[in-house]
Amino acid sequence: MKLTGHEEGIAQLKALHVQNKDAIKFLVEEARTNTDLTSEFRGQDGVLYRLQLDLRTGDLVVSLAPSQRPSSLPGPASSR
C-alpha cells in the first residue's frame, strides 16, 4: 500500500501519524468501509484533506477535500 497524491496533504497525514498512530488506523479503516471509499481529515494547517482508497492498486490517495467547510472544533483551524 503506497501513499500518493497531494504532497502537503501527505505531509499533514504523516504529522498526524506522529501525534496519534491510532488516528491513521481509524482513517484507513473508515476509507475501507465507506461506500465511497474515502475519509477526511484536517491537517494542522487547518486545511481539510480527503483520503481515498484506490481499489485497483490498493494505494491511498490524498487530495484536497472539495468542501473546505470551517471546523467546529476549538483551535487554530476554527479561528480562520
PDB file of N, CA and C in Angstrom:
ATOM      1  N   MET A   1       0.855  -1.176   0.000  1.00  0.00           N
ATOM      2  CA  MET A   1       0.000   0.000   0.000  1.00  0.00           C
ATOM      3  C   MET A   1       0.901   1.240   0.000  1.00  0.00           C
ATOM      4  N   LYS A   2       0.728   2.092  -1.019  1.00  0.00           N
ATOM      5  CA  LYS A   2       1.502   3.322  -1.137  1.00  0.00           C
ATOM      6  C   LYS A   2       0.629   4.515  -0.811  1.00  0.00           C
ATOM      7  N   LEU A   3       1.275   5.575  -0.403  1.00  0.00           N
ATOM      8  CA  LEU A   3       0.605   6.840  -0.131  1.00  0.00           C
ATOM      9  C   LEU A   3       0.979   7.797  -1.249  1.00  0.00           C
ATOM     10  N   THR A   4      -0.003   8.273  -2.017  1.00  0.00           N
ATOM     11  CA  THR A   4       0.252   9.147  -3.159  1.00  0.00           C
ATOM     12  C   THR A   4      -0.675  10.344  -3.113  1.00  0.00           C
ATOM     13  N   GLY A   5      -0.416  11.299  -3.999  1.00  0.00           N
ATOM     14  CA  GLY A   5      -1.317  12.432  -4.144  1.00  0.00           C
ATOM     15  C   GLY A   5      -0.714  13.753  -3.710  1.00  0.00           C
ATOM     16  N   HIS A   6      -1.532  14.577  -3.116  1.00  0.00           N
ATOM     17  CA  HIS A   6      -1.211  15.943  -2.712  1.00  0.00           C
ATOM     18  C   HIS A   6      -0.071  15.939  -1.693  1.00  0.00           C
ATOM     19  N   GLU A   7       1.064  16.551  -2.060  1.00  0.00           N
ATOM     20  CA  GLU A   7       2.267  16.477  -1.228  1.00  0.00           C
ATOM     21  C   GLU A   7       2.074  17.083   0.159  1.00  0.00           C
ATOM     22  N   GLU A   8       1.437  18.245   0.234  1.00  0.00           N
ATOM     23  CA  GLU A   8       1.217  18.882   1.536  1.00  0.00           C
ATOM     24  C   GLU A   8       0.244  18.054   2.372  1.00  0.00           C
ATOM     25  N   GLY A   9      -0.751  17.455   1.733  1.00  0.00           N
ATOM     26  CA  GLY A   9      -1.679  16.583   2.439  1.00  0.00           C
ATOM     27  C   GLY A   9      -0.984  15.359   3.015  1.00  0.00           C
ATOM     28  N   ILE A  10      -0.057  14.793   2.266  1.00  0.00           N
ATOM     29  CA  ILE A  10       0.719  13.646   2.749  1.00  0.00           C
ATOM     30  C   ILE A  10       1.567  14.062   3.948  1.00  0.00           C
ATOM     31  N   ALA A  11       2.181  15.249   3.877  1.00  0.00           N
ATOM     32  CA  ALA A  11       2.986  15.745   4.996  1.00  0.00           C
ATOM     33  C   ALA A  11       2.114  15.946   6.238  1.00  0.00           C
ATOM     34  N   GLN A  12       0.906  16.452   6.046  1.00  0.00           N
ATOM     35  CA  GLN A  12      -0.008  16.655   7.176  1.00  0.00           C
ATOM     36  C   GLN A  12      -0.462  15.314   7.753  1.00  0.00           C
ATOM     37  N   LEU A  13      -0.677  14.331   6.896  1.00  0.00           N
ATOM     38  CA  LEU A  13      -1.065  12.997   7.355  1.00  0.00           C
ATOM     39  C   LEU A  13       0.069  12.353   8.152  1.00  0.00           C
ATOM     40  N   LYS A  14       1.292  12.525   7.698  1.00  0.00           N
ATOM     41  CA  LYS A  14       2.444  11.987   8.424  1.00  0.00           C
ATOM     42  C   LYS A  14       2.616  12.684   9.767  1.00  0.00           C
ATOM     43  N   ALA A  15       2.356  13.993   9.834  1.00  0.00           N
ATOM     44  CA  ALA A  15       2.428  14.724  11.099  1.00  0.00           C
ATOM     45  C   ALA A  15       1.354  14.213  12.061  1.00  0.00           C
ATOM     46  N   LEU A  16       0.178  13.916  11.531  1.00  0.00           N
ATOM     47  CA  LEU A  16      -0.891  13.345  12.356  1.00  0.00           C
ATOM     48  C   LEU A  16      -0.483  11.981  12.888  1.00  0.00           C
ATOM     49  N   HIS A  17       0.206  11.207  12.061  1.00  0.00           N
ATOM     50  CA  HIS A  17       0.676   9.885  12.467  1.00  0.00           C
ATOM     51  C   HIS A  17       1.663   9.978  13.630  1.00  0.00           C
ATOM     52  N   VAL A  18       2.514  10.987  13.606  1.00  0.00           N
ATOM     53  CA  VAL A  18       3.469  11.179  14.702  1.00  0.00           C
ATOM     54  C   VAL A  18       2.731  11.502  15.996  1.00  0.00           C
ATOM     55  N   GLN A  19       1.681  12.314  15.889  1.00  0.00           N
ATOM     56  CA  GLN A  19       0.899  12.701  17.068  1.00  0.00           C
ATOM     57  C   GLN A  19       0.054  11.561  17.610  1.00  0.00           C
ATOM     58  N   ASN A  20      -0.591  10.817  16.717  1.00  0.00           N
ATOM     59  CA  ASN A  20      -1.562   9.814  17.135  1.00  0.00           C
ATOM     60  C   ASN A  20      -1.616   8.694  16.101  1.00  0.00           C
ATOM     61  N   LYS A  21      -0.930   7.618  16.387  1.00  0.00           N
ATOM     62  CA  LYS A  21      -0.872   6.490  15.445  1.00  0.00           C
ATOM     63  C   LYS A  21      -2.243   5.843  15.227  1.00  0.00           C
ATOM     64  N   ASP A  22      -3.098   5.854  16.243  1.00  0.00           N
ATOM     65  CA  ASP A  22      -4.429   5.268  16.105  1.00  0.00           C
ATOM     66  C   ASP A  22      -5.315   6.059  15.148  1.00  0.00           C
ATOM     67  N   ALA A  23      -5.057   7.361  15.005  1.00  0.00           N
ATOM     68  CA  ALA A  23      -5.864   8.176  14.096  1.00  0.00           C
ATOM     69  C   ALA A  23      -5.702   7.698  12.657  1.00  0.00           C
ATOM     70  N   ILE A  24      -4.495   7.330  12.279  1.00  0.00           N
ATOM     71  CA  ILE A  24      -4.251   6.843  10.916  1.00  0.00           C
ATOM     72  C   ILE A  24      -4.971   5.523  10.687  1.00  0.00           C
ATOM     73  N   LYS A  25      -4.899   4.632  11.657  1.00  0.00           N
ATOM     74  CA  LYS A  25      -5.610   3.357  11.547  1.00  0.00           C
ATOM     75  C   LYS A  25      -7.102   3.598  11.363  1.00  0.00           C
ATOM     76  N   PHE A  26      -7.646   4.558  12.128  1.00  0.00           N
ATOM     77  CA  PHE A  26      -9.067   4.890  12.017  1.00  0.00           C
ATOM     78  C   PHE A  26      -9.402   5.423  10.630  1.00  0.00           C
ATOM     79  N   LEU A  27      -8.586   6.356  10.114  1.00  0.00           N
ATOM     80  CA  LEU A  27      -8.847   6.937   8.799  1.00  0.00           C
ATOM     81  C   LEU A  27      -8.809   5.889   7.691  1.00  0.00           C
ATOM     82  N   VAL A  28      -7.839   5.004   7.755  1.00  0.00           N
ATOM     83  CA  VAL A  28      -7.722   3.954   6.729  1.00  0.00           C
ATOM     84  C   VAL A  28      -8.917   3.010   6.818  1.00  0.00           C
ATOM     85  N   GLU A  29      -9.290   2.618   8.011  1.00  0.00           N
ATOM     86  CA  GLU A  29     -10.438   1.715   8.177  1.00  0.00           C
ATOM     87  C   GLU A  29     -11.726   2.392   7.732  1.00  0.00           C
ATOM     88  N   GLU A  30     -11.865   3.686   8.033  1.00  0.00           N
ATOM     89  CA  GLU A  30     -13.047   4.424   7.588  1.00  0.00           C
ATOM     90  C   GLU A  30     -13.110   4.471   6.064  1.00  0.00           C
ATOM     91  N   ALA A  31     -11.975   4.715   5.414  1.00  0.00           N
ATOM     92  CA  ALA A  31     -11.946   4.731   3.944  1.00  0.00           C
ATOM     93  C   ALA A  31     -12.302   3.359   3.379  1.00  0.00           C
ATOM     94  N   ARG A  32     -11.825   2.306   4.011  1.00  0.00           N
ATOM     95  CA  ARG A  32     -12.124   0.947   3.523  1.00  0.00           C
ATOM     96  C   ARG A  32     -13.593   0.590   3.647  1.00  0.00           C
ATOM     97  N   THR A  33     -14.264   1.115   4.667  1.00  0.00           N
ATOM     98  CA  THR A  33     -15.643   0.696   4.931  1.00  0.00           C
ATOM     99  C   THR A  33     -16.695   1.660   4.400  1.00  0.00           C
ATOM    100  N   ASN A  34     -16.334   2.892   4.047  1.00  0.00           N
ATOM    101  CA  ASN A  34     -17.300   3.830   3.481  1.00  0.00           C
ATOM    102  C   ASN A  34     -17.660   3.415   2.061  1.00  0.00           C
ATOM    103  N   THR A  35     -18.884   3.687   1.677  1.00  0.00           N
ATOM    104  CA  THR A  35     -19.326   3.300   0.338  1.00  0.00           C
ATOM    105  C   THR A  35     -18.565   4.035  -0.764  1.00  0.00           C
ATOM    106  N   ASP A  36     -18.084   5.254  -0.476  1.00  0.00           N
ATOM    107  CA  ASP A  36     -17.326   5.991  -1.487  1.00  0.00           C
ATOM    108  C   ASP A  36     -15.817   5.818  -1.317  1.00  0.00           C
ATOM    109  N   LEU A  37     -15.404   4.930  -0.396  1.00  0.00           N
ATOM    110  CA  LEU A  37     -14.006   4.581  -0.160  1.00  0.00           C
ATOM    111  C   LEU A  37     -13.144   5.789   0.225  1.00  0.00           C
ATOM    112  N   THR A  38     -13.729   6.758   0.953  1.00  0.00           N
ATOM    113  CA  THR A  38     -12.996   7.942   1.370  1.00  0.00           C
ATOM    114  C   THR A  38     -13.175   8.219   2.854  1.00  0.00           C
ATOM    115  N   SER A  39     -12.243   8.972   3.393  1.00  0.00           N
ATOM    116  CA  SER A  39     -12.372   9.562   4.721  1.00  0.00           C
ATOM    117  C   SER A  39     -11.720  10.933   4.644  1.00  0.00           C
ATOM    118  N   GLU A  40     -12.050  11.808   5.576  1.00  0.00           N
ATOM    119  CA  GLU A  40     -11.498  13.152   5.576  1.00  0.00           C
ATOM    120  C   GLU A  40     -10.766  13.419   6.873  1.00  0.00           C
ATOM    121  N   PHE A  41      -9.763  14.249   6.784  1.00  0.00           N
ATOM    122  CA  PHE A  41      -9.033  14.674   7.970  1.00  0.00           C
ATOM    123  C   PHE A  41      -8.594  16.116   7.785  1.00  0.00           C
ATOM    124  N   ARG A  42      -8.436  16.797   8.901  1.00  0.00           N
ATOM    125  CA  ARG A  42      -7.987  18.184   8.868  1.00  0.00           C
ATOM    126  C   ARG A  42      -6.540  18.226   9.328  1.00  0.00           C
ATOM    127  N   GLY A  43      -5.688  18.841   8.530  1.00  0.00           N
ATOM    128  CA  GLY A  43      -4.284  18.958   8.873  1.00  0.00           C
ATOM    129  C   GLY A  43      -4.060  20.036   9.921  1.00  0.00           C
ATOM    130  N   GLN A  44      -2.869  20.085  10.448  1.00  0.00           N
ATOM    131  CA  GLN A  44      -2.509  21.115  11.417  1.00  0.00           C
ATOM    132  C   GLN A  44      -2.589  22.505  10.798  1.00  0.00           C
ATOM    133  N   ASP A  45      -2.528  22.571   9.475  1.00  0.00           N
ATOM    134  CA  ASP A  45      -2.634  23.845   8.771  1.00  0.00           C
ATOM    135  C   ASP A  45      -4.077  24.309   8.620  1.00  0.00           C
ATOM    136  N   GLY A  46      -5.042  23.513   9.111  1.00  0.00           N
ATOM    137  CA  GLY A  46      -6.456  23.875   9.054  1.00  0.00           C
ATOM    138  C   GLY A  46      -7.158  23.482   7.769  1.00  0.00           C
ATOM    139  N   VAL A  47      -6.425  22.927   6.825  1.00  0.00           N
ATOM    140  CA  VAL A  47      -6.991  22.530   5.533  1.00  0.00           C
ATOM    141  C   VAL A  47      -7.598  21.135   5.659  1.00  0.00           C
ATOM    142  N   LEU A  48      -8.729  20.942   5.014  1.00  0.00           N
ATOM    143  CA  LEU A  48      -9.414  19.660   5.019  1.00  0.00           C
ATOM    144  C   LEU A  48      -8.933  18.832   3.825  1.00  0.00           C
ATOM    145  N   TYR A  49      -8.500  17.607   4.099  1.00  0.00           N
ATOM    146  CA  TYR A  49      -7.990  16.706   3.061  1.00  0.00           C
ATOM    147  C   TYR A  49      -8.859  15.465   2.977  1.00  0.00           C
ATOM    148  N   ARG A  50      -8.814  14.832   1.824  1.00  0.00           N
ATOM    149  CA  ARG A  50      -9.549  13.585   1.594  1.00  0.00           C
ATOM    150  C   ARG A  50      -8.552  12.455   1.389  1.00  0.00           C
ATOM    151  N   LEU A  51      -8.802  11.343   2.057  1.00  0.00           N
ATOM    152  CA  LEU A  51      -8.009  10.132   1.897  1.00  0.00           C
ATOM    153  C   LEU A  51      -8.900   9.125   1.184  1.00  0.00           C
ATOM    154  N   GLN A  52      -8.469   8.649   0.029  1.00  0.00           N
ATOM    155  CA  GLN A  52      -9.278   7.735  -0.773  1.00  0.00           C
ATOM    156  C   GLN A  52      -8.508   6.460  -1.062  1.00  0.00           C
ATOM    157  N   LEU A  53      -9.189   5.340  -0.934  1.00  0.00           N
ATOM    158  CA  LEU A  53      -8.608   4.046  -1.237  1.00  0.00           C
ATOM    159  C   LEU A  53      -8.842   3.734  -2.707  1.00  0.00           C
ATOM    160  N   ASP A  54      -7.769   3.473  -3.429  1.00  0.00           N
ATOM    161  CA  ASP A  54      -7.851   3.076  -4.836  1.00  0.00           C
ATOM    162  C   ASP A  54      -7.923   1.552  -4.865  1.00  0.00           C
ATOM    163  N   LEU A  55      -9.081   1.002  -5.188  1.00  0.00           N
ATOM    164  CA  LEU A  55      -9.268  -0.452  -5.172  1.00  0.00           C
ATOM    165  C   LEU A  55      -8.408  -1.176  -6.196  1.00  0.00           C
ATOM    166  N   ARG A  56      -8.143  -0.526  -7.299  1.00  0.00           N
ATOM    167  CA  ARG A  56      -7.364  -1.171  -8.361  1.00  0.00           C
ATOM    168  C   ARG A  56      -5.929  -1.444  -7.918  1.00  0.00           C
ATOM    169  N   THR A  57      -5.307  -0.424  -7.270  1.00  0.00           N
ATOM    170  CA  THR A  57      -3.903  -0.562  -6.880  1.00  0.00           C
ATOM    171  C   THR A  57      -3.718  -0.848  -5.389  1.00  0.00           C
ATOM    172  N   GLY A  58      -4.725  -0.538  -4.592  1.00  0.00           N
ATOM    173  CA  GLY A  58      -4.600  -0.678  -3.143  1.00  0.00           C
ATOM    174  C   GLY A  58      -3.923   0.511  -2.495  1.00  0.00           C
ATOM    175  N   ASP A  59      -3.605   1.551  -3.292  1.00  0.00           N
ATOM    176  CA  ASP A  59      -2.938   2.737  -2.765  1.00  0.00           C
ATOM    177  C   ASP A  59      -3.914   3.655  -2.040  1.00  0.00           C
ATOM    178  N   LEU A  60      -3.361   4.463  -1.154  1.00  0.00           N
ATOM    179  CA  LEU A  60      -4.123   5.522  -0.503  1.00  0.00           C
ATOM    180  C   LEU A  60      -3.761   6.823  -1.192  1.00  0.00           C
ATOM    181  N   VAL A  61      -4.779   7.559  -1.654  1.00  0.00           N
ATOM    182  CA  VAL A  61      -4.561   8.788  -2.406  1.00  0.00           C
ATOM    183  C   VAL A  61      -5.072   9.962  -1.571  1.00  0.00           C
ATOM    184  N   VAL A  62      -4.195  10.934  -1.339  1.00  0.00           N
ATOM    185  CA  VAL A  62      -4.541  12.128  -0.566  1.00  0.00           C
ATOM    186  C   VAL A  62      -4.805  13.272  -1.542  1.00  0.00           C
ATOM    187  N   SER A  63      -5.901  14.000  -1.302  1.00  0.00           N
ATOM    188  CA  SER A  63      -6.227  15.165  -2.116  1.00  0.00           C
ATOM    189  C   SER A  63      -6.906  16.202  -1.235  1.00  0.00           C
ATOM    190  N   LEU A  64      -7.050  17.414  -1.763  1.00  0.00           N
ATOM    191  CA  LEU A  64      -7.811  18.429  -1.052  1.00  0.00           C
ATOM    192  C   LEU A  64      -9.274  18.031  -1.069  1.00  0.00           C
ATOM    193  N   ALA A  65      -9.956  18.201   0.043  1.00  0.00           N
ATOM    194  CA  ALA A  65     -11.385  17.913   0.083  1.00  0.00           C
ATOM    195  C   ALA A  65     -12.111  18.973  -0.737  1.00  0.00           C
ATOM    196  N   PRO A  66     -13.139  18.582  -1.476  1.00  0.00           N
ATOM    197  CA  PRO A  66     -13.844  19.551  -2.322  1.00  0.00           C
ATOM    198  C   PRO A  66     -14.502  20.675  -1.515  1.00  0.00           C
ATOM    199  N   SER A  67     -14.957  20.360  -0.318  1.00  0.00           N
ATOM    200  CA  SER A  67     -15.599  21.356   0.524  1.00  0.00           C
ATOM    201  C   SER A  67     -14.666  21.719   1.670  1.00  0.00           C
ATOM    202  N   GLN A  68     -14.235  22.961   1.715  1.00  0.00           N
ATOM    203  CA  GLN A  68     -13.354  23.426   2.787  1.00  0.00           C
ATOM    204  C   GLN A  68     -14.183  24.111   3.873  1.00  0.00           C
ATOM    205  N   ARG A  69     -15.149  23.365   4.422  1.00  0.00           N
ATOM    206  CA  ARG A  69     -16.017  23.912   5.461  1.00  0.00           C
ATOM    207  C   ARG A  69     -15.194  24.212   6.719  1.00  0.00           C
ATOM    208  N   PRO A  70     -15.604  25.212   7.482  1.00  0.00           N
ATOM    209  CA  PRO A  70     -14.851  25.536   8.704  1.00  0.00           C
ATOM    210  C   PRO A  70     -15.042  24.444   9.762  1.00  0.00           C
ATOM    211  N   SER A  71     -14.042  24.310  10.614  1.00  0.00           N
ATOM    212  CA  SER A  71     -14.093  23.320  11.687  1.00  0.00           C
ATOM    213  C   SER A  71     -14.920  23.856  12.838  1.00  0.00           C
ATOM    214  N   SER A  72     -15.680  22.980  13.479  1.00  0.00           N
ATOM    215  CA  SER A  72     -16.443  23.368  14.669  1.00  0.00           C
ATOM    216  C   SER A  72     -15.656  23.095  15.939  1.00  0.00           C
ATOM    217  N   LEU A  73     -14.456  22.527  15.789  1.00  0.00           N
ATOM    218  CA  LEU A  73     -13.613  22.213  16.935  1.00  0.00           C
ATOM    219  C   LEU A  73     -12.779  23.429  17.326  1.00  0.00           C
ATOM    220  N   PRO A  74     -12.485  23.587  18.623  1.00  0.00           N
ATOM    221  CA  PRO A  74     -11.650  24.716  19.024  1.00  0.00           C
ATOM    222  C   PRO A  74     -10.220  24.543  18.540  1.00  0.00           C
ATOM    223  N   GLY A  75      -9.538  25.639  18.361  1.00  0.00           N
ATOM    224  CA  GLY A  75      -8.149  25.577  17.930  1.00  0.00           C
ATOM    225  C   GLY A  75      -7.889  26.497  16.770  1.00  0.00           C
ATOM    226  N   PRO A  76      -6.701  26.426  16.207  1.00  0.00           N
ATOM    227  CA  PRO A  76      -6.299  27.346  15.136  1.00  0.00           C
ATOM    228  C   PRO A  76      -7.187  27.277  13.899  1.00  0.00           C
ATOM    229  N   ALA A  77      -7.691  26.114  13.568  1.00  0.00           N
ATOM    230  CA  ALA A  77      -8.489  25.970  12.348  1.00  0.00           C
ATOM    231  C   ALA A  77      -9.818  26.694  12.460  1.00  0.00           C
ATOM    232  N   SER A  78     -10.399  26.778  13.671  1.00  0.00           N
ATOM    233  CA  SER A  78     -11.708  27.415  13.818  1.00  0.00           C
ATOM    234  C   SER A  78     -11.609  28.931  13.816  1.00  0.00           C
ATOM    235  N   SER A  79     -10.416  29.489  13.996  1.00  0.00           N
ATOM    236  CA  SER A  79     -10.263  30.939  14.026  1.00  0.00           C
ATOM    237  C   SER A  79     -10.104  31.538  12.636  1.00  0.00           C
ATOM    238  N   ARG A  80     -10.120  30.715  11.590  1.00  0.00           N
ATOM    239  CA  ARG A  80      -9.961  31.212  10.212  1.00  0.00           C
ATOM    240  C   ARG A  80     -11.251  31.709   9.669  1.00  0.00           C
TER     241      ARG A  80
END
